[in-house]
Amino acid sequence: MNNLTAVLLAAPIAIATPYAVAAQAKLHPAQIQLQQNIESVLKVARDKNLSEQQKIRQIENYADNYLDYQRIAALAVGLPWRQFTPKQKTDFIAAFKEMMIAMYSRSALLGASSAQFKMLPKLVDNGRNRIDVFTEVQTQNGNKYEVSYQLYKNGSVYKLYNIRVDGVSMVTVYRNQFNDLIKQKGIDGTISTVRAKGLKKADSIKDK
């Protein structure tokens, strides 16, 4: 698993941006929120008085305000989500969240100190209260990627429900795995597999 994929899958809770960006007055509110997330997370990631586990927990608590785990889980499962009972949905969301934290949190912290991000002026209004915000990511070895954060507004907060890296969707990568698992093991078996962190990492996006 490379640092690029790890930090992107944790975004926007683990975004580093040494690049200069446009003045906040010229940014869309969703862009401004991402910039604020950057500052808050970097403060935690670079705090030498905190242990790695303390950093992970603080960032996780912060991320809970901005990531819609329920929508991410539903999109990652796809059509079979309709077959889940309310309890199965609750159990799956909790297991999926814990699995992602376990898989990506440490490498995301490392990636936050080495990757460089800059906000792009590109915005896409998808209608129905959905917007895509774009950044450019440069890895430590100089490779660049366009990353879009798919958000919707909930009150005064923009919630993240998907990430695309050069057009590759995070939820689609996971959906392929979940569809196979549900066919093989059923819904409860899939939840058990996720709870045991038995899913493959979404590392199809390779750093060059």
N, C-alpha and C. Protein backbone atom coordinates (compact mmCIF):
# COMPACT_ATOMS: atom_id res chain seq x y z
N MET A 1 0.84 -1.20 0.00
CA MET A 1 0.00 0.00 0.00
C MET A 1 0.87 1.24 0.00
N ASN A 2 0.75 2.10 -0.99
CA ASN A 2 1.59 3.27 -1.04
C ASN A 2 0.96 4.42 -0.28
N ASN A 3 1.81 5.40 0.08
CA ASN A 3 1.34 6.52 0.88
C ASN A 3 0.30 7.35 0.14
N LEU A 4 0.40 7.43 -1.20
CA LEU A 4 -0.57 8.23 -1.95
C LEU A 4 -1.98 7.73 -1.72
N THR A 5 -2.22 6.44 -1.95
CA THR A 5 -3.56 5.91 -1.80
C THR A 5 -4.04 6.04 -0.37
N ALA A 6 -3.17 5.80 0.58
CA ALA A 6 -3.55 5.89 1.98
C ALA A 6 -4.03 7.27 2.36
N VAL A 7 -3.27 8.29 1.97
CA VAL A 7 -3.66 9.63 2.36
C VAL A 7 -4.92 10.08 1.63
N LEU A 8 -5.11 9.64 0.40
CA LEU A 8 -6.31 10.03 -0.33
C LEU A 8 -7.55 9.40 0.26
N LEU A 9 -7.44 8.15 0.68
CA LEU A 9 -8.60 7.47 1.23
C LEU A 9 -8.97 8.02 2.59
N ALA A 10 -8.05 8.68 3.22
CA ALA A 10 -8.36 9.32 4.49
C ALA A 10 -8.81 10.76 4.30
N ALA A 11 -8.69 11.28 3.11
CA ALA A 11 -9.03 12.68 2.84
C ALA A 11 -10.52 12.90 3.05
N PRO A 12 -10.97 14.11 3.49
CA PRO A 12 -10.09 15.25 3.69
C PRO A 12 -9.53 15.33 5.10
N ILE A 13 -9.47 14.24 5.81
CA ILE A 13 -8.98 14.30 7.19
C ILE A 13 -7.47 14.25 7.26
N ALA A 14 -6.79 14.02 6.14
CA ALA A 14 -5.34 13.96 6.17
C ALA A 14 -4.76 14.59 4.91
N ILE A 15 -4.92 15.90 4.78
CA ILE A 15 -4.47 16.61 3.60
C ILE A 15 -3.34 17.56 3.99
N ALA A 16 -2.22 17.45 3.30
CA ALA A 16 -1.12 18.39 3.51
C ALA A 16 -1.05 19.31 2.32
N THR A 17 -0.78 20.58 2.54
CA THR A 17 -0.79 21.51 1.42
C THR A 17 0.24 22.63 1.59
N PRO A 18 1.52 22.35 1.35
CA PRO A 18 2.52 23.40 1.40
C PRO A 18 2.37 24.40 0.27
N TYR A 19 1.62 24.02 -0.79
CA TYR A 19 1.43 24.93 -1.91
C TYR A 19 0.64 26.17 -1.49
N ALA A 20 0.91 27.27 -2.17
CA ALA A 20 0.10 28.46 -1.95
C ALA A 20 -1.26 28.25 -2.59
N VAL A 21 -2.31 28.81 -1.99
CA VAL A 21 -3.65 28.69 -2.53
C VAL A 21 -4.26 30.07 -2.67
N ALA A 22 -5.35 30.13 -3.39
CA ALA A 22 -6.02 31.41 -3.61
C ALA A 22 -6.56 31.95 -2.29
N ALA A 23 -6.76 33.23 -2.24
CA ALA A 23 -7.31 33.84 -1.03
C ALA A 23 -8.67 33.25 -0.74
N GLN A 24 -8.98 33.08 0.55
CA GLN A 24 -10.22 32.42 0.92
C GLN A 24 -11.45 33.15 0.38
N ALA A 25 -11.33 34.45 0.21
CA ALA A 25 -12.49 35.21 -0.28
C ALA A 25 -12.88 34.76 -1.68
N LYS A 26 -11.94 34.16 -2.43
CA LYS A 26 -12.21 33.75 -3.80
C LYS A 26 -12.62 32.27 -3.87
N LEU A 27 -12.60 31.58 -2.77
CA LEU A 27 -12.89 30.16 -2.76
C LEU A 27 -14.37 29.89 -2.49
N HIS A 28 -14.85 28.77 -3.01
CA HIS A 28 -16.19 28.29 -2.70
C HIS A 28 -16.21 27.84 -1.23
N PRO A 29 -17.34 27.93 -0.53
CA PRO A 29 -17.39 27.49 0.87
C PRO A 29 -16.89 26.06 1.08
N ALA A 30 -17.11 25.18 0.11
CA ALA A 30 -16.61 23.80 0.24
C ALA A 30 -15.10 23.77 0.21
N GLN A 31 -14.49 24.63 -0.61
CA GLN A 31 -13.03 24.71 -0.65
C GLN A 31 -12.47 25.28 0.65
N ILE A 32 -13.16 26.28 1.15
CA ILE A 32 -12.74 26.88 2.42
C ILE A 32 -12.75 25.84 3.54
N GLN A 33 -13.79 25.01 3.55
CA GLN A 33 -13.88 23.97 4.57
C GLN A 33 -12.70 23.00 4.46
N LEU A 34 -12.35 22.60 3.24
CA LEU A 34 -11.22 21.70 3.06
C LEU A 34 -9.93 22.34 3.58
N GLN A 35 -9.76 23.63 3.31
CA GLN A 35 -8.59 24.32 3.80
C GLN A 35 -8.54 24.33 5.33
N GLN A 36 -9.69 24.52 5.94
CA GLN A 36 -9.75 24.49 7.40
C GLN A 36 -9.45 23.10 7.94
N ASN A 37 -9.93 22.08 7.22
CA ASN A 37 -9.61 20.71 7.62
C ASN A 37 -8.11 20.46 7.56
N ILE A 38 -7.49 21.00 6.51
CA ILE A 38 -6.04 20.85 6.35
C ILE A 38 -5.31 21.38 7.57
N GLU A 39 -5.63 22.59 7.95
CA GLU A 39 -4.94 23.23 9.06
C GLU A 39 -5.13 22.48 10.36
N SER A 40 -6.37 22.03 10.61
CA SER A 40 -6.66 21.33 11.85
C SER A 40 -5.95 19.99 11.94
N VAL A 41 -5.94 19.26 10.82
CA VAL A 41 -5.32 17.94 10.83
C VAL A 41 -3.80 18.03 10.90
N LEU A 42 -3.24 18.98 10.17
CA LEU A 42 -1.78 19.13 10.23
C LEU A 42 -1.31 19.49 11.63
N LYS A 43 -2.11 20.26 12.32
CA LYS A 43 -1.75 20.62 13.69
C LYS A 43 -1.64 19.38 14.57
N VAL A 44 -2.57 18.44 14.37
CA VAL A 44 -2.53 17.18 15.12
C VAL A 44 -1.38 16.30 14.64
N ALA A 45 -1.25 16.15 13.31
CA ALA A 45 -0.25 15.24 12.74
C ALA A 45 1.17 15.64 13.10
N ARG A 46 1.39 16.93 13.30
CA ARG A 46 2.75 17.42 13.58
C ARG A 46 3.00 17.70 15.05
N ASP A 47 2.05 17.37 15.90
CA ASP A 47 2.21 17.60 17.34
C ASP A 47 3.11 16.52 17.93
N LYS A 48 4.32 16.88 18.28
CA LYS A 48 5.30 15.93 18.79
C LYS A 48 4.97 15.43 20.20
N ASN A 49 4.03 16.09 20.85
CA ASN A 49 3.64 15.68 22.20
C ASN A 49 2.59 14.58 22.20
N LEU A 50 2.08 14.23 21.02
CA LEU A 50 1.05 13.20 20.92
C LEU A 50 1.65 11.90 20.39
N SER A 51 1.18 10.79 20.93
CA SER A 51 1.59 9.49 20.40
C SER A 51 0.85 9.23 19.09
N GLU A 52 1.28 8.22 18.37
CA GLU A 52 0.62 7.89 17.11
C GLU A 52 -0.84 7.56 17.33
N GLN A 53 -1.15 6.77 18.36
CA GLN A 53 -2.53 6.41 18.64
C GLN A 53 -3.36 7.62 19.03
N GLN A 54 -2.78 8.55 19.78
CA GLN A 54 -3.50 9.76 20.15
C GLN A 54 -3.82 10.60 18.91
N LYS A 55 -2.87 10.67 17.99
CA LYS A 55 -3.11 11.41 16.74
C LYS A 55 -4.23 10.76 15.95
N ILE A 56 -4.19 9.43 15.84
CA ILE A 56 -5.21 8.71 15.08
C ILE A 56 -6.60 8.97 15.66
N ARG A 57 -6.71 8.88 16.98
CA ARG A 57 -8.01 9.07 17.62
C ARG A 57 -8.52 10.50 17.48
N GLN A 58 -7.62 11.47 17.62
CA GLN A 58 -8.05 12.86 17.47
C GLN A 58 -8.52 13.14 16.05
N ILE A 59 -7.77 12.63 15.07
CA ILE A 59 -8.16 12.84 13.68
C ILE A 59 -9.45 12.10 13.36
N GLU A 60 -9.60 10.90 13.92
CA GLU A 60 -10.85 10.15 13.72
C GLU A 60 -12.04 10.93 14.26
N ASN A 61 -11.90 11.47 15.46
CA ASN A 61 -13.00 12.25 16.05
C ASN A 61 -13.32 13.48 15.20
N TYR A 62 -12.28 14.10 14.66
CA TYR A 62 -12.48 15.27 13.80
C TYR A 62 -13.19 14.86 12.52
N ALA A 63 -12.76 13.72 11.95
CA ALA A 63 -13.33 13.26 10.69
C ALA A 63 -14.80 12.91 10.81
N ASP A 64 -15.22 12.48 11.98
CA ASP A 64 -16.63 12.11 12.18
C ASP A 64 -17.57 13.26 11.82
N ASN A 65 -17.07 14.50 11.89
CA ASN A 65 -17.90 15.66 11.57
C ASN A 65 -18.05 15.89 10.07
N TYR A 66 -17.15 15.29 9.28
CA TYR A 66 -17.09 15.64 7.86
C TYR A 66 -17.25 14.46 6.90
N LEU A 67 -17.14 13.25 7.38
CA LEU A 67 -17.32 12.08 6.52
C LEU A 67 -18.67 11.45 6.79
N ASP A 68 -19.42 11.19 5.74
CA ASP A 68 -20.72 10.53 5.87
C ASP A 68 -20.49 9.02 5.68
N TYR A 69 -20.17 8.35 6.77
CA TYR A 69 -19.84 6.93 6.69
C TYR A 69 -21.03 6.11 6.20
N GLN A 70 -22.23 6.52 6.55
CA GLN A 70 -23.41 5.77 6.10
C GLN A 70 -23.54 5.83 4.58
N ARG A 71 -23.38 7.02 4.02
CA ARG A 71 -23.52 7.13 2.57
C ARG A 71 -22.35 6.45 1.85
N ILE A 72 -21.14 6.58 2.40
CA ILE A 72 -19.99 5.90 1.81
C ILE A 72 -20.21 4.40 1.78
N ALA A 73 -20.69 3.85 2.91
CA ALA A 73 -20.94 2.42 2.99
C ALA A 73 -22.01 1.98 2.00
N ALA A 74 -23.10 2.74 1.91
CA ALA A 74 -24.19 2.39 1.01
C ALA A 74 -23.74 2.41 -0.44
N LEU A 75 -22.96 3.42 -0.81
CA LEU A 75 -22.45 3.50 -2.18
C LEU A 75 -21.45 2.39 -2.46
N ALA A 76 -20.64 2.05 -1.47
CA ALA A 76 -19.64 0.99 -1.66
C ALA A 76 -20.30 -0.37 -1.85
N VAL A 77 -21.43 -0.60 -1.20
CA VAL A 77 -22.14 -1.87 -1.36
C VAL A 77 -22.95 -1.88 -2.65
N GLY A 78 -23.59 -0.76 -2.97
CA GLY A 78 -24.39 -0.68 -4.19
C GLY A 78 -25.79 -1.23 -4.00
N LEU A 79 -26.37 -1.82 -5.03
CA LEU A 79 -27.75 -2.28 -5.01
C LEU A 79 -28.06 -3.26 -3.87
N PRO A 80 -27.16 -4.17 -3.50
CA PRO A 80 -27.47 -5.10 -2.40
C PRO A 80 -27.77 -4.40 -1.06
N TRP A 81 -27.42 -3.10 -0.94
CA TRP A 81 -27.67 -2.37 0.30
C TRP A 81 -29.16 -2.40 0.66
N ARG A 82 -30.02 -2.46 -0.35
CA ARG A 82 -31.46 -2.49 -0.11
C ARG A 82 -31.90 -3.76 0.61
N GLN A 83 -31.10 -4.80 0.52
CA GLN A 83 -31.43 -6.08 1.14
C GLN A 83 -31.00 -6.15 2.60
N PHE A 84 -30.17 -5.20 3.03
CA PHE A 84 -29.69 -5.20 4.41
C PHE A 84 -30.83 -4.79 5.36
N THR A 85 -30.93 -5.44 6.49
CA THR A 85 -31.86 -5.01 7.53
C THR A 85 -31.27 -3.78 8.21
N PRO A 86 -32.07 -3.01 8.96
CA PRO A 86 -31.51 -1.86 9.68
C PRO A 86 -30.33 -2.24 10.58
N LYS A 87 -30.43 -3.38 11.27
CA LYS A 87 -29.32 -3.80 12.14
C LYS A 87 -28.09 -4.16 11.31
N GLN A 88 -28.30 -4.83 10.19
CA GLN A 88 -27.16 -5.18 9.33
C GLN A 88 -26.48 -3.94 8.79
N LYS A 89 -27.27 -2.92 8.46
CA LYS A 89 -26.68 -1.67 7.98
C LYS A 89 -25.84 -1.02 9.08
N THR A 90 -26.39 -0.98 10.29
CA THR A 90 -25.65 -0.39 11.41
C THR A 90 -24.36 -1.15 11.67
N ASP A 91 -24.44 -2.47 11.68
CA ASP A 91 -23.26 -3.30 11.93
C ASP A 91 -22.22 -3.14 10.83
N PHE A 92 -22.69 -3.07 9.58
CA PHE A 92 -21.76 -2.95 8.46
C PHE A 92 -21.04 -1.60 8.50
N ILE A 93 -21.78 -0.53 8.74
CA ILE A 93 -21.18 0.81 8.78
C ILE A 93 -20.09 0.86 9.85
N ALA A 94 -20.38 0.33 11.02
CA ALA A 94 -19.40 0.34 12.12
C ALA A 94 -18.16 -0.47 11.74
N ALA A 95 -18.37 -1.65 11.15
CA ALA A 95 -17.25 -2.52 10.77
C ALA A 95 -16.42 -1.89 9.66
N PHE A 96 -17.09 -1.28 8.69
CA PHE A 96 -16.41 -0.67 7.56
C PHE A 96 -15.55 0.51 8.02
N LYS A 97 -16.10 1.32 8.90
CA LYS A 97 -15.35 2.45 9.44
C LYS A 97 -14.10 1.97 10.18
N GLU A 98 -14.26 0.99 11.06
CA GLU A 98 -13.13 0.49 11.84
C GLU A 98 -12.08 -0.14 10.93
N MET A 99 -12.52 -0.83 9.88
CA MET A 99 -11.58 -1.45 8.96
C MET A 99 -10.74 -0.40 8.25
N MET A 100 -11.38 0.66 7.77
CA MET A 100 -10.66 1.70 7.06
C MET A 100 -9.68 2.43 7.97
N ILE A 101 -10.09 2.68 9.20
CA ILE A 101 -9.19 3.33 10.15
C ILE A 101 -7.96 2.45 10.40
N ALA A 102 -8.20 1.15 10.61
CA ALA A 102 -7.10 0.22 10.87
C ALA A 102 -6.15 0.12 9.68
N MET A 103 -6.72 0.11 8.47
CA MET A 103 -5.91 -0.06 7.26
C MET A 103 -5.08 1.17 6.92
N TYR A 104 -5.68 2.35 7.08
CA TYR A 104 -5.09 3.53 6.46
C TYR A 104 -4.56 4.60 7.40
N SER A 105 -4.91 4.53 8.68
CA SER A 105 -4.61 5.66 9.55
C SER A 105 -3.12 5.94 9.68
N ARG A 106 -2.31 4.91 9.92
CA ARG A 106 -0.89 5.14 10.13
C ARG A 106 -0.22 5.65 8.86
N SER A 107 -0.49 4.99 7.73
CA SER A 107 0.14 5.42 6.48
C SER A 107 -0.38 6.78 6.05
N ALA A 108 -1.62 7.10 6.42
CA ALA A 108 -2.15 8.43 6.10
C ALA A 108 -1.41 9.51 6.85
N LEU A 109 -1.07 9.26 8.10
CA LEU A 109 -0.30 10.23 8.87
C LEU A 109 1.06 10.44 8.24
N LEU A 110 1.69 9.35 7.79
CA LEU A 110 2.99 9.47 7.13
C LEU A 110 2.84 10.24 5.82
N GLY A 111 1.78 9.93 5.07
CA GLY A 111 1.57 10.60 3.80
C GLY A 111 1.31 12.08 3.95
N ALA A 112 0.69 12.46 5.06
CA ALA A 112 0.36 13.86 5.28
C ALA A 112 1.60 14.72 5.36
N SER A 113 2.73 14.14 5.77
CA SER A 113 3.95 14.92 5.89
C SER A 113 4.76 14.94 4.61
N SER A 114 4.43 14.05 3.65
CA SER A 114 5.25 13.97 2.44
C SER A 114 4.52 14.42 1.18
N ALA A 115 3.19 14.27 1.11
CA ALA A 115 2.44 14.67 -0.08
C ALA A 115 2.18 16.17 -0.05
N GLN A 116 2.04 16.75 -1.24
CA GLN A 116 1.72 18.17 -1.37
C GLN A 116 0.41 18.31 -2.14
N PHE A 117 -0.47 19.16 -1.63
CA PHE A 117 -1.77 19.37 -2.25
C PHE A 117 -1.95 20.85 -2.56
N LYS A 118 -2.63 21.14 -3.66
CA LYS A 118 -3.05 22.52 -3.89
C LYS A 118 -4.49 22.50 -4.39
N MET A 119 -5.25 23.47 -3.96
CA MET A 119 -6.63 23.59 -4.37
C MET A 119 -6.69 24.08 -5.80
N LEU A 120 -7.50 23.41 -6.63
CA LEU A 120 -7.68 23.83 -8.01
C LEU A 120 -8.93 24.69 -8.13
N PRO A 121 -8.96 25.61 -9.08
CA PRO A 121 -10.15 26.45 -9.25
C PRO A 121 -11.34 25.69 -9.82
N LYS A 122 -11.13 24.48 -10.29
CA LYS A 122 -12.17 23.68 -10.91
C LYS A 122 -13.22 23.24 -9.90
N LEU A 123 -14.49 23.46 -10.24
CA LEU A 123 -15.62 23.02 -9.43
C LEU A 123 -16.68 22.43 -10.36
N VAL A 124 -17.36 21.39 -9.90
CA VAL A 124 -18.45 20.82 -10.67
C VAL A 124 -19.69 20.75 -9.79
N ASP A 125 -20.76 21.43 -10.21
CA ASP A 125 -22.04 21.37 -9.51
C ASP A 125 -22.87 20.26 -10.15
N ASN A 126 -23.07 19.18 -9.42
CA ASN A 126 -23.79 18.03 -9.95
C ASN A 126 -25.30 18.12 -9.73
N GLY A 127 -25.77 19.22 -9.16
CA GLY A 127 -27.19 19.35 -8.86
C GLY A 127 -27.56 18.52 -7.64
N ARG A 128 -28.79 18.65 -7.22
CA ARG A 128 -29.30 17.89 -6.08
C ARG A 128 -28.38 18.02 -4.86
N ASN A 129 -27.83 19.23 -4.67
CA ASN A 129 -27.03 19.54 -3.49
C ASN A 129 -25.71 18.77 -3.46
N ARG A 130 -25.14 18.48 -4.63
CA ARG A 130 -23.87 17.77 -4.69
C ARG A 130 -22.85 18.59 -5.48
N ILE A 131 -21.61 18.58 -4.99
CA ILE A 131 -20.56 19.37 -5.63
C ILE A 131 -19.26 18.60 -5.56
N ASP A 132 -18.45 18.75 -6.61
CA ASP A 132 -17.11 18.15 -6.63
C ASP A 132 -16.08 19.26 -6.50
N VAL A 133 -15.16 19.08 -5.55
CA VAL A 133 -14.06 20.01 -5.34
C VAL A 133 -12.77 19.29 -5.74
N PHE A 134 -11.88 20.01 -6.42
CA PHE A 134 -10.70 19.37 -7.00
C PHE A 134 -9.40 19.89 -6.38
N THR A 135 -8.47 18.98 -6.22
CA THR A 135 -7.12 19.35 -5.82
C THR A 135 -6.12 18.64 -6.73
N GLU A 136 -4.90 19.13 -6.71
CA GLU A 136 -3.80 18.43 -7.36
C GLU A 136 -2.88 17.92 -6.27
N VAL A 137 -2.52 16.65 -6.38
CA VAL A 137 -1.66 16.02 -5.39
C VAL A 137 -0.31 15.70 -6.02
N GLN A 138 0.74 16.08 -5.32
CA GLN A 138 2.08 15.71 -5.77
C GLN A 138 2.72 14.85 -4.70
N THR A 139 3.13 13.64 -5.07
CA THR A 139 3.75 12.73 -4.12
C THR A 139 5.21 13.10 -3.91
N GLN A 140 5.83 12.42 -2.96
CA GLN A 140 7.20 12.73 -2.60
C GLN A 140 8.15 12.56 -3.78
N ASN A 141 7.84 11.60 -4.69
CA ASN A 141 8.73 11.38 -5.83
C ASN A 141 8.34 12.23 -7.05
N GLY A 142 7.40 13.15 -6.87
CA GLY A 142 7.11 14.12 -7.93
C GLY A 142 5.93 13.80 -8.82
N ASN A 143 5.29 12.64 -8.67
CA ASN A 143 4.13 12.31 -9.49
C ASN A 143 2.92 13.15 -9.07
N LYS A 144 2.11 13.55 -10.07
CA LYS A 144 0.96 14.40 -9.80
C LYS A 144 -0.34 13.69 -10.18
N TYR A 145 -1.39 13.93 -9.40
CA TYR A 145 -2.70 13.33 -9.62
C TYR A 145 -3.77 14.39 -9.39
N GLU A 146 -4.86 14.31 -10.17
CA GLU A 146 -6.02 15.15 -9.90
C GLU A 146 -6.99 14.37 -9.01
N VAL A 147 -7.37 14.97 -7.92
CA VAL A 147 -8.26 14.32 -6.96
C VAL A 147 -9.52 15.14 -6.80
N SER A 148 -10.67 14.49 -6.94
CA SER A 148 -11.93 15.18 -6.72
C SER A 148 -12.59 14.63 -5.46
N TYR A 149 -13.11 15.53 -4.65
CA TYR A 149 -13.81 15.20 -3.42
C TYR A 149 -15.29 15.45 -3.66
N GLN A 150 -16.09 14.42 -3.56
CA GLN A 150 -17.52 14.54 -3.82
C GLN A 150 -18.23 14.83 -2.49
N LEU A 151 -18.90 15.97 -2.46
CA LEU A 151 -19.48 16.48 -1.22
C LEU A 151 -20.95 16.84 -1.41
N TYR A 152 -21.66 16.88 -0.29
CA TYR A 152 -23.00 17.46 -0.28
C TYR A 152 -23.13 18.29 0.98
N LYS A 153 -24.01 19.29 0.92
CA LYS A 153 -24.14 20.20 2.05
C LYS A 153 -25.20 19.70 3.02
N ASN A 154 -24.82 19.63 4.28
CA ASN A 154 -25.72 19.22 5.36
C ASN A 154 -25.70 20.31 6.42
N GLY A 155 -26.69 21.19 6.40
CA GLY A 155 -26.65 22.35 7.28
C GLY A 155 -25.55 23.29 6.83
N SER A 156 -24.61 23.58 7.71
CA SER A 156 -23.50 24.47 7.36
C SER A 156 -22.24 23.70 7.01
N VAL A 157 -22.32 22.37 6.97
CA VAL A 157 -21.15 21.53 6.76
C VAL A 157 -21.25 20.79 5.43
N TYR A 158 -20.13 20.65 4.74
CA TYR A 158 -20.07 19.82 3.54
C TYR A 158 -19.55 18.44 3.93
N LYS A 159 -20.34 17.42 3.62
CA LYS A 159 -20.01 16.05 3.98
C LYS A 159 -19.39 15.32 2.78
N LEU A 160 -18.34 14.57 3.05
CA LEU A 160 -17.67 13.80 2.01
C LEU A 160 -18.33 12.43 1.86
N TYR A 161 -18.62 12.03 0.59
CA TYR A 161 -19.19 10.71 0.37
C TYR A 161 -18.44 9.89 -0.67
N ASN A 162 -17.44 10.49 -1.33
CA ASN A 162 -16.62 9.71 -2.26
C ASN A 162 -15.40 10.52 -2.66
N ILE A 163 -14.38 9.80 -3.13
CA ILE A 163 -13.16 10.42 -3.63
C ILE A 163 -12.82 9.76 -4.96
N ARG A 164 -12.39 10.57 -5.94
CA ARG A 164 -11.93 10.04 -7.23
C ARG A 164 -10.50 10.51 -7.47
N VAL A 165 -9.65 9.57 -7.83
CA VAL A 165 -8.25 9.87 -8.13
C VAL A 165 -8.02 9.58 -9.60
N ASP A 166 -7.76 10.64 -10.37
CA ASP A 166 -7.64 10.49 -11.83
C ASP A 166 -8.80 9.67 -12.39
N GLY A 167 -9.99 9.94 -11.88
CA GLY A 167 -11.20 9.29 -12.39
C GLY A 167 -11.55 7.97 -11.74
N VAL A 168 -10.66 7.42 -10.91
CA VAL A 168 -10.93 6.14 -10.25
C VAL A 168 -11.64 6.41 -8.93
N SER A 169 -12.80 5.79 -8.75
CA SER A 169 -13.65 6.04 -7.59
C SER A 169 -13.34 5.07 -6.45
N MET A 170 -13.19 5.61 -5.24
CA MET A 170 -12.95 4.78 -4.08
C MET A 170 -14.10 3.81 -3.83
N VAL A 171 -15.34 4.29 -3.90
CA VAL A 171 -16.47 3.42 -3.58
C VAL A 171 -16.64 2.34 -4.64
N THR A 172 -16.27 2.63 -5.88
CA THR A 172 -16.37 1.61 -6.92
C THR A 172 -15.36 0.49 -6.71
N VAL A 173 -14.15 0.85 -6.29
CA VAL A 173 -13.13 -0.16 -5.99
C VAL A 173 -13.64 -1.13 -4.93
N TYR A 174 -14.26 -0.58 -3.88
CA TYR A 174 -14.79 -1.44 -2.83
C TYR A 174 -16.04 -2.18 -3.26
N ARG A 175 -16.86 -1.57 -4.11
CA ARG A 175 -18.11 -2.21 -4.52
C ARG A 175 -17.85 -3.54 -5.22
N ASN A 176 -16.81 -3.60 -6.03
CA ASN A 176 -16.48 -4.84 -6.72
C ASN A 176 -16.19 -5.97 -5.72
N GLN A 177 -15.50 -5.63 -4.65
CA GLN A 177 -15.19 -6.64 -3.62
C GLN A 177 -16.45 -7.05 -2.86
N PHE A 178 -17.27 -6.07 -2.50
CA PHE A 178 -18.47 -6.38 -1.72
C PHE A 178 -19.46 -7.23 -2.52
N ASN A 179 -19.60 -6.95 -3.79
CA ASN A 179 -20.51 -7.74 -4.61
C ASN A 179 -20.10 -9.20 -4.62
N ASP A 180 -18.80 -9.47 -4.76
CA ASP A 180 -18.31 -10.84 -4.74
C ASP A 180 -18.52 -11.48 -3.38
N LEU A 181 -18.24 -10.73 -2.32
CA LEU A 181 -18.40 -11.27 -0.97
C LEU A 181 -19.84 -11.63 -0.66
N ILE A 182 -20.77 -10.76 -1.03
CA ILE A 182 -22.18 -11.00 -0.74
C ILE A 182 -22.66 -12.24 -1.47
N LYS A 183 -22.21 -12.44 -2.70
CA LYS A 183 -22.58 -13.63 -3.45
C LYS A 183 -22.02 -14.90 -2.80
N GLN A 184 -20.81 -14.80 -2.28
CA GLN A 184 -20.14 -15.97 -1.71
C GLN A 184 -20.57 -16.27 -0.28
N LYS A 185 -20.73 -15.22 0.54
CA LYS A 185 -20.90 -15.41 1.98
C LYS A 185 -22.21 -14.86 2.52
N GLY A 186 -22.98 -14.17 1.69
CA GLY A 186 -24.19 -13.55 2.19
C GLY A 186 -23.87 -12.26 2.94
N ILE A 187 -24.92 -11.60 3.41
CA ILE A 187 -24.74 -10.30 4.08
C ILE A 187 -24.03 -10.45 5.41
N ASP A 188 -24.48 -11.39 6.24
CA ASP A 188 -23.84 -11.55 7.55
C ASP A 188 -22.39 -11.99 7.42
N GLY A 189 -22.12 -12.85 6.44
CA GLY A 189 -20.75 -13.29 6.21
C GLY A 189 -19.86 -12.14 5.74
N THR A 190 -20.44 -11.26 4.94
CA THR A 190 -19.70 -10.08 4.49
C THR A 190 -19.38 -9.16 5.65
N ILE A 191 -20.35 -8.94 6.53
CA ILE A 191 -20.12 -8.11 7.71
C ILE A 191 -19.02 -8.71 8.57
N SER A 192 -19.05 -10.03 8.75
CA SER A 192 -18.01 -10.70 9.55
C SER A 192 -16.63 -10.53 8.92
N THR A 193 -16.57 -10.61 7.59
CA THR A 193 -15.30 -10.45 6.89
C THR A 193 -14.76 -9.04 7.07
N VAL A 194 -15.65 -8.05 6.94
CA VAL A 194 -15.23 -6.66 7.12
C VAL A 194 -14.81 -6.42 8.57
N ARG A 195 -15.57 -6.98 9.50
CA ARG A 195 -15.26 -6.81 10.92
C ARG A 195 -13.89 -7.40 11.26
N ALA A 196 -13.54 -8.48 10.56
CA ALA A 196 -12.24 -9.12 10.77
C ALA A 196 -11.14 -8.47 9.93
N LYS A 197 -11.51 -7.37 9.25
CA LYS A 197 -10.57 -6.61 8.41
C LYS A 197 -9.97 -7.51 7.33
N GLY A 198 -10.85 -8.34 6.75
CA GLY A 198 -10.40 -9.29 5.75
C GLY A 198 -10.53 -8.81 4.32
N LEU A 199 -10.89 -7.54 4.15
CA LEU A 199 -11.05 -7.01 2.80
C LEU A 199 -9.70 -6.52 2.29
N LYS A 200 -9.49 -6.60 0.99
CA LYS A 200 -8.26 -6.09 0.40
C LYS A 200 -8.28 -4.57 0.40
N LYS A 201 -7.11 -3.98 0.58
CA LYS A 201 -7.01 -2.52 0.52
C LYS A 201 -7.30 -2.04 -0.90
N ALA A 202 -7.91 -0.88 -0.97
CA ALA A 202 -8.22 -0.29 -2.27
C ALA A 202 -6.97 0.37 -2.83
N ASP A 203 -6.02 -0.47 -3.25
CA ASP A 203 -4.72 0.07 -3.67
C ASP A 203 -4.49 -0.12 -5.16
N SER A 204 -5.61 -0.08 -5.93
CA SER A 204 -5.46 -0.25 -7.37
C SER A 204 -4.80 0.96 -8.03
N ILE A 205 -4.77 2.08 -7.31
CA ILE A 205 -4.11 3.28 -7.83
C ILE A 205 -2.66 3.23 -7.39
N LYS A 206 -1.76 2.90 -8.25
CA LYS A 206 -0.37 2.69 -7.91
C LYS A 206 0.44 3.96 -8.13
N ASP A 207 1.33 4.22 -7.19
CA ASP A 207 2.27 5.33 -7.37
C ASP A 207 3.32 4.91 -8.39
N LYS A 208 3.58 5.76 -9.32
CA LYS A 208 4.49 5.41 -10.41
C LYS A 208 5.94 5.49 -9.94
